[in-house]
Amino acid sequence: MPSFRELILGGARSGKSTLAEQRAVSSALELVYVATATAGDAEMSQRIAHHQQRRGAHWTLVEEPVALAETLRQQQHPGRCIVVDCLTLWLSNCLHRQCWGTGKDAVVAGAAATVRPHNTGQQ
């Protein structure tokens, strides 16, 4: 089974989550949604509820605002597609809780450990 990673970038409320969810569903893999948002106010509570309703019950939900590297290590498994929503909120959470240095280092180390060289055949 091929392994791949995608990073979907865009502005606030530009459809990044919806696109990521569609791509994940089309993979036909087991679906895991890692949510980094916290409901700090009524607007965010509504946004979270909207995302939950849109996804449906066929997703496994993992809520983790800061320990992203450990969560990804625990959730990675062949045959599983993991969507992380959202890296911006994760960064904000880490900065607010003053754990950015360790959080960043853990994610970078974890990503480096899983990167496989890709030969495109081009020189």
PDB file of N, CA and C in Angstrom:
ATOM      1  N   MET A   1       0.851  -1.182   0.000  1.00  0.00           N
ATOM      2  CA  MET A   1       0.000   0.000   0.000  1.00  0.00           C
ATOM      3  C   MET A   1       0.888   1.234   0.000  1.00  0.00           C
ATOM      4  N   PRO A   2       0.741   2.126  -0.976  1.00  0.00           N
ATOM      5  CA  PRO A   2       1.587   3.314  -1.037  1.00  0.00           C
ATOM      6  C   PRO A   2       1.334   4.242   0.148  1.00  0.00           C
ATOM      7  N   SER A   3       2.400   4.908   0.556  1.00  0.00           N
ATOM      8  CA  SER A   3       2.312   5.861   1.651  1.00  0.00           C
ATOM      9  C   SER A   3       2.531   7.258   1.077  1.00  0.00           C
ATOM     10  N   PHE A   4       1.726   8.214   1.521  1.00  0.00           N
ATOM     11  CA  PHE A   4       1.918   9.577   1.053  1.00  0.00           C
ATOM     12  C   PHE A   4       1.465  10.545   2.128  1.00  0.00           C
ATOM     13  N   ARG A   5       1.958  11.767   1.996  1.00  0.00           N
ATOM     14  CA  ARG A   5       1.578  12.854   2.894  1.00  0.00           C
ATOM     15  C   ARG A   5       1.185  14.041   2.039  1.00  0.00           C
ATOM     16  N   GLU A   6       0.183  14.748   2.479  1.00  0.00           N
ATOM     17  CA  GLU A   6      -0.221  15.966   1.792  1.00  0.00           C
ATOM     18  C   GLU A   6      -0.360  17.071   2.823  1.00  0.00           C
ATOM     19  N   LEU A   7       0.042  18.255   2.433  1.00  0.00           N
ATOM     20  CA  LEU A   7      -0.136  19.447   3.246  1.00  0.00           C
ATOM     21  C   LEU A   7      -1.048  20.368   2.456  1.00  0.00           C
ATOM     22  N   ILE A   8      -2.204  20.646   3.015  1.00  0.00           N
ATOM     23  CA  ILE A   8      -3.183  21.504   2.340  1.00  0.00           C
ATOM     24  C   ILE A   8      -3.148  22.866   3.008  1.00  0.00           C
ATOM     25  N   LEU A   9      -2.812  23.868   2.230  1.00  0.00           N
ATOM     26  CA  LEU A   9      -2.672  25.233   2.737  1.00  0.00           C
ATOM     27  C   LEU A   9      -3.757  26.129   2.159  1.00  0.00           C
ATOM     28  N   GLY A  10      -4.140  27.140   2.912  1.00  0.00           N
ATOM     29  CA  GLY A  10      -5.107  28.115   2.437  1.00  0.00           C
ATOM     30  C   GLY A  10      -5.496  29.046   3.564  1.00  0.00           C
ATOM     31  N   GLY A  11      -6.247  30.030   3.233  1.00  0.00           N
ATOM     32  CA  GLY A  11      -6.693  31.011   4.212  1.00  0.00           C
ATOM     33  C   GLY A  11      -7.744  30.442   5.153  1.00  0.00           C
ATOM     34  N   ALA A  12      -8.070  31.232   6.163  1.00  0.00           N
ATOM     35  CA  ALA A  12      -9.099  30.837   7.126  1.00  0.00           C
ATOM     36  C   ALA A  12     -10.417  30.606   6.401  1.00  0.00           C
ATOM     37  N   ARG A  13     -11.055  29.507   6.714  1.00  0.00           N
ATOM     38  CA  ARG A  13     -12.368  29.144   6.167  1.00  0.00           C
ATOM     39  C   ARG A  13     -12.371  29.082   4.640  1.00  0.00           C
ATOM     40  N   SER A  14     -11.280  28.560   4.083  1.00  0.00           N
ATOM     41  CA  SER A  14     -11.160  28.474   2.623  1.00  0.00           C
ATOM     42  C   SER A  14     -11.511  27.092   2.080  1.00  0.00           C
ATOM     43  N   GLY A  15     -11.888  26.169   2.951  1.00  0.00           N
ATOM     44  CA  GLY A  15     -12.259  24.825   2.504  1.00  0.00           C
ATOM     45  C   GLY A  15     -11.161  23.786   2.681  1.00  0.00           C
ATOM     46  N   LYS A  16     -10.102  24.118   3.421  1.00  0.00           N
ATOM     47  CA  LYS A  16      -8.998  23.172   3.633  1.00  0.00           C
ATOM     48  C   LYS A  16      -9.480  21.887   4.283  1.00  0.00           C
ATOM     49  N   SER A  17     -10.265  22.000   5.342  1.00  0.00           N
ATOM     50  CA  SER A  17     -10.737  20.817   6.072  1.00  0.00           C
ATOM     51  C   SER A  17     -11.609  19.943   5.191  1.00  0.00           C
ATOM     52  N   THR A  18     -12.511  20.560   4.460  1.00  0.00           N
ATOM     53  CA  THR A  18     -13.399  19.806   3.580  1.00  0.00           C
ATOM     54  C   THR A  18     -12.595  19.061   2.521  1.00  0.00           C
ATOM     55  N   LEU A  19     -11.614  19.726   1.916  1.00  0.00           N
ATOM     56  CA  LEU A  19     -10.780  19.084   0.910  1.00  0.00           C
ATOM     57  C   LEU A  19     -10.002  17.921   1.525  1.00  0.00           C
ATOM     58  N   ALA A  20      -9.415  18.137   2.681  1.00  0.00           N
ATOM     59  CA  ALA A  20      -8.649  17.074   3.346  1.00  0.00           C
ATOM     60  C   ALA A  20      -9.548  15.877   3.656  1.00  0.00           C
ATOM     61  N   GLU A  21     -10.746  16.146   4.126  1.00  0.00           N
ATOM     62  CA  GLU A  21     -11.686  15.066   4.438  1.00  0.00           C
ATOM     63  C   GLU A  21     -12.067  14.303   3.171  1.00  0.00           C
ATOM     64  N   GLN A  22     -12.320  15.010   2.085  1.00  0.00           N
ATOM     65  CA  GLN A  22     -12.667  14.354   0.817  1.00  0.00           C
ATOM     66  C   GLN A  22     -11.519  13.484   0.326  1.00  0.00           C
ATOM     67  N   ARG A  23     -10.295  14.004   0.394  1.00  0.00           N
ATOM     68  CA  ARG A  23      -9.117  13.237  -0.028  1.00  0.00           C
ATOM     69  C   ARG A  23      -8.948  11.993   0.835  1.00  0.00           C
ATOM     70  N   ALA A  24      -9.181  12.133   2.134  1.00  0.00           N
ATOM     71  CA  ALA A  24      -9.049  10.998   3.039  1.00  0.00           C
ATOM     72  C   ALA A  24     -10.093   9.930   2.729  1.00  0.00           C
ATOM     73  N   VAL A  25     -11.339  10.338   2.563  1.00  0.00           N
ATOM     74  CA  VAL A  25     -12.413   9.384   2.262  1.00  0.00           C
ATOM     75  C   VAL A  25     -12.107   8.648   0.957  1.00  0.00           C
ATOM     76  N   SER A  26     -11.592   9.364  -0.040  1.00  0.00           N
ATOM     77  CA  SER A  26     -11.305   8.735  -1.327  1.00  0.00           C
ATOM     78  C   SER A  26     -10.148   7.740  -1.243  1.00  0.00           C
ATOM     79  N   SER A  27      -9.373   7.779  -0.165  1.00  0.00           N
ATOM     80  CA  SER A  27      -8.268   6.834   0.010  1.00  0.00           C
ATOM     81  C   SER A  27      -8.770   5.433   0.344  1.00  0.00           C
ATOM     82  N   ALA A  28     -10.013   5.318   0.811  1.00  0.00           N
ATOM     83  CA  ALA A  28     -10.613   4.043   1.228  1.00  0.00           C
ATOM     84  C   ALA A  28      -9.875   3.412   2.411  1.00  0.00           C
ATOM     85  N   LEU A  29      -9.154   4.225   3.170  1.00  0.00           N
ATOM     86  CA  LEU A  29      -8.458   3.754   4.368  1.00  0.00           C
ATOM     87  C   LEU A  29      -9.307   4.037   5.603  1.00  0.00           C
ATOM     88  N   GLU A  30      -8.905   3.450   6.728  1.00  0.00           N
ATOM     89  CA  GLU A  30      -9.531   3.786   8.009  1.00  0.00           C
ATOM     90  C   GLU A  30      -9.265   5.264   8.283  1.00  0.00           C
ATOM     91  N   LEU A  31     -10.273   5.991   8.756  1.00  0.00           N
ATOM     92  CA  LEU A  31     -10.179   7.443   8.895  1.00  0.00           C
ATOM     93  C   LEU A  31     -10.006   7.870  10.348  1.00  0.00           C
ATOM     94  N   VAL A  32      -8.979   8.678  10.590  1.00  0.00           N
ATOM     95  CA  VAL A  32      -8.712   9.248  11.919  1.00  0.00           C
ATOM     96  C   VAL A  32      -8.596  10.751  11.757  1.00  0.00           C
ATOM     97  N   TYR A  33      -9.314  11.471  12.591  1.00  0.00           N
ATOM     98  CA  TYR A  33      -9.319  12.932  12.555  1.00  0.00           C
ATOM     99  C   TYR A  33      -8.695  13.424  13.857  1.00  0.00           C
ATOM    100  N   VAL A  34      -7.540  14.080  13.766  1.00  0.00           N
ATOM    101  CA  VAL A  34      -6.879  14.651  14.935  1.00  0.00           C
ATOM    102  C   VAL A  34      -7.240  16.127  14.971  1.00  0.00           C
ATOM    103  N   ALA A  35      -8.022  16.493  15.965  1.00  0.00           N
ATOM    104  CA  ALA A  35      -8.503  17.866  16.105  1.00  0.00           C
ATOM    105  C   ALA A  35      -7.672  18.593  17.152  1.00  0.00           C
ATOM    106  N   THR A  36      -7.102  19.730  16.761  1.00  0.00           N
ATOM    107  CA  THR A  36      -6.293  20.512  17.697  1.00  0.00           C
ATOM    108  C   THR A  36      -7.058  21.695  18.284  1.00  0.00           C
ATOM    109  N   ALA A  37      -8.255  21.959  17.769  1.00  0.00           N
ATOM    110  CA  ALA A  37      -9.040  23.110  18.234  1.00  0.00           C
ATOM    111  C   ALA A  37      -9.600  22.865  19.627  1.00  0.00           C
ATOM    112  N   THR A  38      -9.715  23.937  20.363  1.00  0.00           N
ATOM    113  CA  THR A  38     -10.410  23.908  21.651  1.00  0.00           C
ATOM    114  C   THR A  38     -11.548  24.931  21.589  1.00  0.00           C
ATOM    115  N   ALA A  39     -12.623  24.618  22.261  1.00  0.00           N
ATOM    116  CA  ALA A  39     -13.811  25.482  22.222  1.00  0.00           C
ATOM    117  C   ALA A  39     -13.680  26.582  23.275  1.00  0.00           C
ATOM    118  N   GLY A  40     -12.942  27.628  22.933  1.00  0.00           N
ATOM    119  CA  GLY A  40     -12.719  28.713  23.871  1.00  0.00           C
ATOM    120  C   GLY A  40     -13.832  29.755  23.908  1.00  0.00           C
ATOM    121  N   ASP A  41     -14.697  29.734  22.878  1.00  0.00           N
ATOM    122  CA  ASP A  41     -15.806  30.683  22.843  1.00  0.00           C
ATOM    123  C   ASP A  41     -16.949  30.078  22.024  1.00  0.00           C
ATOM    124  N   ALA A  42     -18.056  30.791  21.948  1.00  0.00           N
ATOM    125  CA  ALA A  42     -19.251  30.277  21.264  1.00  0.00           C
ATOM    126  C   ALA A  42     -19.000  30.065  19.773  1.00  0.00           C
ATOM    127  N   GLU A  43     -18.273  30.993  19.143  1.00  0.00           N
ATOM    128  CA  GLU A  43     -18.010  30.848  17.702  1.00  0.00           C
ATOM    129  C   GLU A  43     -17.204  29.581  17.416  1.00  0.00           C
ATOM    130  N   MET A  44     -16.165  29.339  18.209  1.00  0.00           N
ATOM    131  CA  MET A  44     -15.353  28.144  17.992  1.00  0.00           C
ATOM    132  C   MET A  44     -16.160  26.884  18.299  1.00  0.00           C
ATOM    133  N   SER A  45     -17.006  26.939  19.294  1.00  0.00           N
ATOM    134  CA  SER A  45     -17.879  25.792  19.596  1.00  0.00           C
ATOM    135  C   SER A  45     -18.761  25.467  18.400  1.00  0.00           C
ATOM    136  N   GLN A  46     -19.301  26.490  17.749  1.00  0.00           N
ATOM    137  CA  GLN A  46     -20.136  26.277  16.568  1.00  0.00           C
ATOM    138  C   GLN A  46     -19.324  25.705  15.407  1.00  0.00           C
ATOM    139  N   ARG A  47     -18.129  26.195  15.211  1.00  0.00           N
ATOM    140  CA  ARG A  47     -17.274  25.687  14.128  1.00  0.00           C
ATOM    141  C   ARG A  47     -16.927  24.213  14.362  1.00  0.00           C
ATOM    142  N   ILE A  48     -16.608  23.863  15.601  1.00  0.00           N
ATOM    143  CA  ILE A  48     -16.289  22.475  15.931  1.00  0.00           C
ATOM    144  C   ILE A  48     -17.507  21.588  15.691  1.00  0.00           C
ATOM    145  N   ALA A  49     -18.663  22.029  16.130  1.00  0.00           N
ATOM    146  CA  ALA A  49     -19.895  21.250  15.931  1.00  0.00           C
ATOM    147  C   ALA A  49     -20.178  21.048  14.444  1.00  0.00           C
ATOM    148  N   HIS A  50     -19.965  22.092  13.648  1.00  0.00           N
ATOM    149  CA  HIS A  50     -20.179  21.998  12.203  1.00  0.00           C
ATOM    150  C   HIS A  50     -19.251  20.947  11.586  1.00  0.00           C
ATOM    151  N   HIS A  51     -17.973  20.962  11.980  1.00  0.00           N
ATOM    152  CA  HIS A  51     -17.012  19.990  11.469  1.00  0.00           C
ATOM    153  C   HIS A  51     -17.425  18.574  11.859  1.00  0.00           C
ATOM    154  N   GLN A  52     -17.854  18.393  13.098  1.00  0.00           N
ATOM    155  CA  GLN A  52     -18.248  17.061  13.564  1.00  0.00           C
ATOM    156  C   GLN A  52     -19.450  16.543  12.785  1.00  0.00           C
ATOM    157  N   GLN A  53     -20.429  17.384  12.555  1.00  0.00           N
ATOM    158  CA  GLN A  53     -21.620  16.974  11.812  1.00  0.00           C
ATOM    159  C   GLN A  53     -21.265  16.634  10.370  1.00  0.00           C
ATOM    160  N   ARG A  54     -20.397  17.415   9.771  1.00  0.00           N
ATOM    161  CA  ARG A  54     -20.020  17.183   8.375  1.00  0.00           C
ATOM    162  C   ARG A  54     -19.272  15.868   8.214  1.00  0.00           C
ATOM    163  N   ARG A  55     -18.408  15.542   9.153  1.00  0.00           N
ATOM    164  CA  ARG A  55     -17.604  14.319   9.040  1.00  0.00           C
ATOM    165  C   ARG A  55     -18.436  13.060   9.200  1.00  0.00           C
ATOM    166  N   GLY A  56     -19.314  13.023  10.144  1.00  0.00           N
ATOM    167  CA  GLY A  56     -20.091  11.817  10.382  1.00  0.00           C
ATOM    168  C   GLY A  56     -19.376  10.837  11.288  1.00  0.00           C
ATOM    169  N   ALA A  57     -20.024   9.707  11.519  1.00  0.00           N
ATOM    170  CA  ALA A  57     -19.566   8.740  12.516  1.00  0.00           C
ATOM    171  C   ALA A  57     -18.489   7.791  12.004  1.00  0.00           C
ATOM    172  N   HIS A  58     -18.183   7.790  10.720  1.00  0.00           N
ATOM    173  CA  HIS A  58     -17.200   6.845  10.201  1.00  0.00           C
ATOM    174  C   HIS A  58     -15.747   7.291  10.449  1.00  0.00           C
ATOM    175  N   TRP A  59     -15.574   8.405  11.115  1.00  0.00           N
ATOM    176  CA  TRP A  59     -14.250   8.892  11.499  1.00  0.00           C
ATOM    177  C   TRP A  59     -13.999   8.579  12.964  1.00  0.00           C
ATOM    178  N   THR A  60     -12.759   8.212  13.295  1.00  0.00           N
ATOM    179  CA  THR A  60     -12.321   8.144  14.681  1.00  0.00           C
ATOM    180  C   THR A  60     -11.800   9.523  15.034  1.00  0.00           C
ATOM    181  N   LEU A  61     -12.315  10.107  16.097  1.00  0.00           N
ATOM    182  CA  LEU A  61     -11.913  11.450  16.511  1.00  0.00           C
ATOM    183  C   LEU A  61     -10.927  11.373  17.666  1.00  0.00           C
ATOM    184  N   VAL A  62      -9.810  12.077  17.513  1.00  0.00           N
ATOM    185  CA  VAL A  62      -8.820  12.222  18.576  1.00  0.00           C
ATOM    186  C   VAL A  62      -8.653  13.715  18.791  1.00  0.00           C
ATOM    187  N   GLU A  63      -8.967  14.186  19.987  1.00  0.00           N
ATOM    188  CA  GLU A  63      -8.829  15.608  20.307  1.00  0.00           C
ATOM    189  C   GLU A  63      -7.539  15.806  21.101  1.00  0.00           C
ATOM    190  N   GLU A  64      -6.608  16.565  20.526  1.00  0.00           N
ATOM    191  CA  GLU A  64      -5.326  16.812  21.177  1.00  0.00           C
ATOM    192  C   GLU A  64      -4.804  18.182  20.764  1.00  0.00           C
ATOM    193  N   PRO A  65      -4.870  19.155  21.675  1.00  0.00           N
ATOM    194  CA  PRO A  65      -4.470  20.518  21.323  1.00  0.00           C
ATOM    195  C   PRO A  65      -2.961  20.756  21.251  1.00  0.00           C
ATOM    196  N   VAL A  66      -2.122  19.955  21.935  1.00  0.00           N
ATOM    197  CA  VAL A  66      -0.683  20.251  21.935  1.00  0.00           C
ATOM    198  C   VAL A  66       0.224  19.047  21.669  1.00  0.00           C
ATOM    199  N   ALA A  67      -0.082  17.879  22.144  1.00  0.00           N
ATOM    200  CA  ALA A  67       0.821  16.719  22.028  1.00  0.00           C
ATOM    201  C   ALA A  67       0.644  16.026  20.678  1.00  0.00           C
ATOM    202  N   LEU A  68       0.889  16.770  19.616  1.00  0.00           N
ATOM    203  CA  LEU A  68       0.637  16.277  18.268  1.00  0.00           C
ATOM    204  C   LEU A  68       1.579  15.139  17.887  1.00  0.00           C
ATOM    205  N   ALA A  69       2.863  15.276  18.174  1.00  0.00           N
ATOM    206  CA  ALA A  69       3.823  14.239  17.785  1.00  0.00           C
ATOM    207  C   ALA A  69       3.468  12.900  18.420  1.00  0.00           C
ATOM    208  N   GLU A  70       3.194  12.901  19.690  1.00  0.00           N
ATOM    209  CA  GLU A  70       2.840  11.659  20.379  1.00  0.00           C
ATOM    210  C   GLU A  70       1.534  11.090  19.839  1.00  0.00           C
ATOM    211  N   THR A  71       0.583  11.942  19.567  1.00  0.00           N
ATOM    212  CA  THR A  71      -0.698  11.489  19.015  1.00  0.00           C
ATOM    213  C   THR A  71      -0.490  10.840  17.650  1.00  0.00           C
ATOM    214  N   LEU A  72       0.320  11.453  16.807  1.00  0.00           N
ATOM    215  CA  LEU A  72       0.587  10.882  15.486  1.00  0.00           C
ATOM    216  C   LEU A  72       1.305   9.543  15.606  1.00  0.00           C
ATOM    217  N   ARG A  73       2.253   9.436  16.527  1.00  0.00           N
ATOM    218  CA  ARG A  73       2.940   8.155  16.750  1.00  0.00           C
ATOM    219  C   ARG A  73       1.940   7.075  17.163  1.00  0.00           C
ATOM    220  N   GLN A  74       1.038   7.430  18.058  1.00  0.00           N
ATOM    221  CA  GLN A  74       0.053   6.456  18.542  1.00  0.00           C
ATOM    222  C   GLN A  74      -0.948   6.064  17.457  1.00  0.00           C
ATOM    223  N   GLN A  75      -1.293   6.981  16.593  1.00  0.00           N
ATOM    224  CA  GLN A  75      -2.344   6.739  15.610  1.00  0.00           C
ATOM    225  C   GLN A  75      -1.848   6.165  14.281  1.00  0.00           C
ATOM    226  N   GLN A  76      -0.562   6.315  13.983  1.00  0.00           N
ATOM    227  CA  GLN A  76      -0.091   5.831  12.680  1.00  0.00           C
ATOM    228  C   GLN A  76      -0.173   4.318  12.620  1.00  0.00           C
ATOM    229  N   HIS A  77      -0.662   3.833  11.501  1.00  0.00           N
ATOM    230  CA  HIS A  77      -0.859   2.403  11.312  1.00  0.00           C
ATOM    231  C   HIS A  77      -1.082   2.170   9.822  1.00  0.00           C
ATOM    232  N   PRO A  78      -0.511   1.104   9.276  1.00  0.00           N
ATOM    233  CA  PRO A  78      -0.796   0.816   7.863  1.00  0.00           C
ATOM    234  C   PRO A  78      -2.310   0.692   7.651  1.00  0.00           C
ATOM    235  N   GLY A  79      -2.783   1.227   6.581  1.00  0.00           N
ATOM    236  CA  GLY A  79      -4.211   1.158   6.295  1.00  0.00           C
ATOM    237  C   GLY A  79      -5.027   2.256   6.944  1.00  0.00           C
ATOM    238  N   ARG A  80      -4.352   3.239   7.494  1.00  0.00           N
ATOM    239  CA  ARG A  80      -5.041   4.327   8.192  1.00  0.00           C
ATOM    240  C   ARG A  80      -4.661   5.661   7.579  1.00  0.00           C
ATOM    241  N   CYS A  81      -5.644   6.517   7.407  1.00  0.00           N
ATOM    242  CA  CYS A  81      -5.420   7.879   6.932  1.00  0.00           C
ATOM    243  C   CYS A  81      -5.711   8.835   8.080  1.00  0.00           C
ATOM    244  N   ILE A  82      -4.746   9.681   8.387  1.00  0.00           N
ATOM    245  CA  ILE A  82      -4.881  10.628   9.496  1.00  0.00           C
ATOM    246  C   ILE A  82      -4.961  12.041   8.930  1.00  0.00           C
ATOM    247  N   VAL A  83      -5.996  12.763   9.337  1.00  0.00           N
ATOM    248  CA  VAL A  83      -6.138  14.179   8.994  1.00  0.00           C
ATOM    249  C   VAL A  83      -5.905  14.969  10.272  1.00  0.00           C
ATOM    250  N   VAL A  84      -4.978  15.926  10.219  1.00  0.00           N
ATOM    251  CA  VAL A  84      -4.725  16.818  11.354  1.00  0.00           C
ATOM    252  C   VAL A  84      -5.359  18.161  11.018  1.00  0.00           C
ATOM    253  N   ASP A  85      -6.248  18.609  11.869  1.00  0.00           N
ATOM    254  CA  ASP A  85      -6.933  19.883  11.671  1.00  0.00           C
ATOM    255  C   ASP A  85      -6.895  20.637  12.996  1.00  0.00           C
ATOM    256  N   CYS A  86      -6.139  21.598  13.175  1.00  0.00           N
ATOM    257  CA  CYS A  86      -5.414  22.403  12.226  1.00  0.00           C
ATOM    258  C   CYS A  86      -4.039  22.716  12.808  1.00  0.00           C
ATOM    259  N   LEU A  87      -3.030  22.793  11.946  1.00  0.00           N
ATOM    260  CA  LEU A  87      -1.673  23.088  12.409  1.00  0.00           C
ATOM    261  C   LEU A  87      -1.544  24.501  12.954  1.00  0.00           C
ATOM    262  N   THR A  88      -2.289  25.440  12.405  1.00  0.00           N
ATOM    263  CA  THR A  88      -2.251  26.810  12.914  1.00  0.00           C
ATOM    264  C   THR A  88      -2.752  26.870  14.353  1.00  0.00           C
ATOM    265  N   LEU A  89      -3.858  26.180  14.628  1.00  0.00           N
ATOM    266  CA  LEU A  89      -4.374  26.156  15.999  1.00  0.00           C
ATOM    267  C   LEU A  89      -3.435  25.393  16.926  1.00  0.00           C
ATOM    268  N   TRP A  90      -2.810  24.323  16.420  1.00  0.00           N
ATOM    269  CA  TRP A  90      -1.834  23.589  17.231  1.00  0.00           C
ATOM    270  C   TRP A  90      -0.687  24.509  17.632  1.00  0.00           C
ATOM    271  N   LEU A  91      -0.156  25.255  16.660  1.00  0.00           N
ATOM    272  CA  LEU A  91       0.927  26.193  16.944  1.00  0.00           C
ATOM    273  C   LEU A  91       0.489  27.236  17.966  1.00  0.00           C
ATOM    274  N   SER A  92      -0.696  27.794  17.776  1.00  0.00           N
ATOM    275  CA  SER A  92      -1.228  28.784  18.708  1.00  0.00           C
ATOM    276  C   SER A  92      -1.367  28.193  20.114  1.00  0.00           C
ATOM    277  N   ASN A  93      -1.873  26.979  20.202  1.00  0.00           N
ATOM    278  CA  ASN A  93      -2.014  26.314  21.502  1.00  0.00           C
ATOM    279  C   ASN A  93      -0.658  26.127  22.167  1.00  0.00           C
ATOM    280  N   CYS A  94       0.340  25.699  21.390  1.00  0.00           N
ATOM    281  CA  CYS A  94       1.683  25.503  21.936  1.00  0.00           C
ATOM    282  C   CYS A  94       2.288  26.815  22.421  1.00  0.00           C
ATOM    283  N   LEU A  95       2.127  27.879  21.630  1.00  0.00           N
ATOM    284  CA  LEU A  95       2.657  29.175  22.042  1.00  0.00           C
ATOM    285  C   LEU A  95       1.964  29.666  23.311  1.00  0.00           C
ATOM    286  N   HIS A  96       0.653  29.522  23.351  1.00  0.00           N
ATOM    287  CA  HIS A  96      -0.115  29.979  24.513  1.00  0.00           C
ATOM    288  C   HIS A  96       0.278  29.208  25.778  1.00  0.00           C
ATOM    289  N   ARG A  97       0.550  27.925  25.637  1.00  0.00           N
ATOM    290  CA  ARG A  97       0.908  27.086  26.799  1.00  0.00           C
ATOM    291  C   ARG A  97       2.413  27.013  27.012  1.00  0.00           C
ATOM    292  N   GLN A  98       3.152  27.776  26.232  1.00  0.00           N
ATOM    293  CA  GLN A  98       4.610  27.884  26.341  1.00  0.00           C
ATOM    294  C   GLN A  98       5.305  26.528  26.192  1.00  0.00           C
ATOM    295  N   CYS A  99       4.833  25.729  25.236  1.00  0.00           N
ATOM    296  CA  CYS A  99       5.466  24.438  24.973  1.00  0.00           C
ATOM    297  C   CYS A  99       5.875  24.312  23.508  1.00  0.00           C
ATOM    298  N   TRP A 100       6.003  25.450  22.816  1.00  0.00           N
ATOM    299  CA  TRP A 100       6.307  25.420  21.394  1.00  0.00           C
ATOM    300  C   TRP A 100       7.637  24.727  21.103  1.00  0.00           C
ATOM    301  N   GLY A 101       8.663  25.020  21.872  1.00  0.00           N
ATOM    302  CA  GLY A 101       9.975  24.432  21.604  1.00  0.00           C
ATOM    303  C   GLY A 101       9.950  22.914  21.615  1.00  0.00           C
ATOM    304  N   THR A 102       9.415  22.329  22.659  1.00  0.00           N
ATOM    305  CA  THR A 102       9.368  20.869  22.743  1.00  0.00           C
ATOM    306  C   THR A 102       8.363  20.286  21.756  1.00  0.00           C
ATOM    307  N   GLY A 103       7.247  20.959  21.553  1.00  0.00           N
ATOM    308  CA  GLY A 103       6.252  20.470  20.597  1.00  0.00           C
ATOM    309  C   GLY A 103       6.790  20.459  19.185  1.00  0.00           C
ATOM    310  N   LYS A 104       7.441  21.551  18.804  1.00  0.00           N
ATOM    311  CA  LYS A 104       8.023  21.664  17.459  1.00  0.00           C
ATOM    312  C   LYS A 104       9.097  20.614  17.262  1.00  0.00           C
ATOM    313  N   ASP A 105       9.998  20.479  18.229  1.00  0.00           N
ATOM    314  CA  ASP A 105      11.092  19.521  18.101  1.00  0.00           C
ATOM    315  C   ASP A 105      10.568  18.092  17.960  1.00  0.00           C
ATOM    316  N   ALA A 106       9.536  17.751  18.713  1.00  0.00           N
ATOM    317  CA  ALA A 106       8.972  16.403  18.655  1.00  0.00           C
ATOM    318  C   ALA A 106       8.333  16.128  17.297  1.00  0.00           C
ATOM    319  N   VAL A 107       7.604  17.091  16.755  1.00  0.00           N
ATOM    320  CA  VAL A 107       6.964  16.897  15.452  1.00  0.00           C
ATOM    321  C   VAL A 107       8.012  16.801  14.354  1.00  0.00           C
ATOM    322  N   VAL A 108       9.030  17.663  14.385  1.00  0.00           N
ATOM    323  CA  VAL A 108      10.073  17.630  13.363  1.00  0.00           C
ATOM    324  C   VAL A 108      10.827  16.299  13.426  1.00  0.00           C
ATOM    325  N   ALA A 109      11.163  15.845  14.621  1.00  0.00           N
ATOM    326  CA  ALA A 109      11.866  14.566  14.762  1.00  0.00           C
ATOM    327  C   ALA A 109      11.006  13.410  14.256  1.00  0.00           C
ATOM    328  N   GLY A 110       9.735  13.433  14.580  1.00  0.00           N
ATOM    329  CA  GLY A 110       8.838  12.378  14.122  1.00  0.00           C
ATOM    330  C   GLY A 110       8.685  12.378  12.616  1.00  0.00           C
ATOM    331  N   ALA A 111       8.575  13.548  12.027  1.00  0.00           N
ATOM    332  CA  ALA A 111       8.438  13.646  10.568  1.00  0.00           C
ATOM    333  C   ALA A 111       9.721  13.168   9.890  1.00  0.00           C
ATOM    334  N   ALA A 112      10.866  13.561  10.416  1.00  0.00           N
ATOM    335  CA  ALA A 112      12.140  13.157   9.823  1.00  0.00           C
ATOM    336  C   ALA A 112      12.322  11.646   9.880  1.00  0.00           C
ATOM    337  N   ALA A 113      11.843  11.030  10.936  1.00  0.00           N
ATOM    338  CA  ALA A 113      11.985   9.580  11.089  1.00  0.00           C
ATOM    339  C   ALA A 113      11.122   8.806  10.110  1.00  0.00           C
ATOM    340  N   THR A 114      10.079   9.412   9.577  1.00  0.00           N
ATOM    341  CA  THR A 114       9.176   8.690   8.682  1.00  0.00           C
ATOM    342  C   THR A 114       9.340   9.056   7.217  1.00  0.00           C
ATOM    343  N   VAL A 115      10.210  10.011   6.913  1.00  0.00           N
ATOM    344  CA  VAL A 115      10.399  10.426   5.520  1.00  0.00           C
ATOM    345  C   VAL A 115      11.171   9.337   4.778  1.00  0.00           C
ATOM    346  N   ARG A 116      10.641   8.974   3.632  1.00  0.00           N
ATOM    347  CA  ARG A 116      11.290   8.001   2.771  1.00  0.00           C
ATOM    348  C   ARG A 116      11.740   8.720   1.502  1.00  0.00           C
ATOM    349  N   PRO A 117      12.959   8.444   1.041  1.00  0.00           N
ATOM    350  CA  PRO A 117      13.412   9.080  -0.202  1.00  0.00           C
ATOM    351  C   PRO A 117      12.498   8.710  -1.357  1.00  0.00           C
ATOM    352  N   HIS A 118      12.277   9.650  -2.229  1.00  0.00           N
ATOM    353  CA  HIS A 118      11.422   9.426  -3.397  1.00  0.00           C
ATOM    354  C   HIS A 118      12.243   9.714  -4.631  1.00  0.00           C
ATOM    355  N   ASN A 119      12.408   8.734  -5.468  1.00  0.00           N
ATOM    356  CA  ASN A 119      13.170   8.884  -6.685  1.00  0.00           C
ATOM    357  C   ASN A 119      12.230   9.182  -7.823  1.00  0.00           C
ATOM    358  N   THR A 120      12.337  10.377  -8.379  1.00  0.00           N
ATOM    359  CA  THR A 120      11.456  10.768  -9.491  1.00  0.00           C
ATOM    360  C   THR A 120      12.023  10.340 -10.831  1.00  0.00           C
ATOM    361  N   GLY A 121      13.259   9.861 -10.832  1.00  0.00           N
ATOM    362  CA  GLY A 121      13.880   9.480 -12.084  1.00  0.00           C
ATOM    363  C   GLY A 121      14.462  10.647 -12.855  1.00  0.00           C
ATOM    364  N   GLN A 122      14.329  11.838 -12.315  1.00  0.00           N
ATOM    365  CA  GLN A 122      14.852  13.034 -12.974  1.00  0.00           C
ATOM    366  C   GLN A 122      16.198  13.398 -12.375  1.00  0.00           C
ATOM    367  N   GLN A 123      17.063  13.934 -13.189  1.00  0.00           N
ATOM    368  CA  GLN A 123      18.399  14.352 -12.738  1.00  0.00           C
ATOM    369  C   GLN A 123      18.431  15.828 -12.517  1.00  0.00           C
TER     370      GLN A 123
END
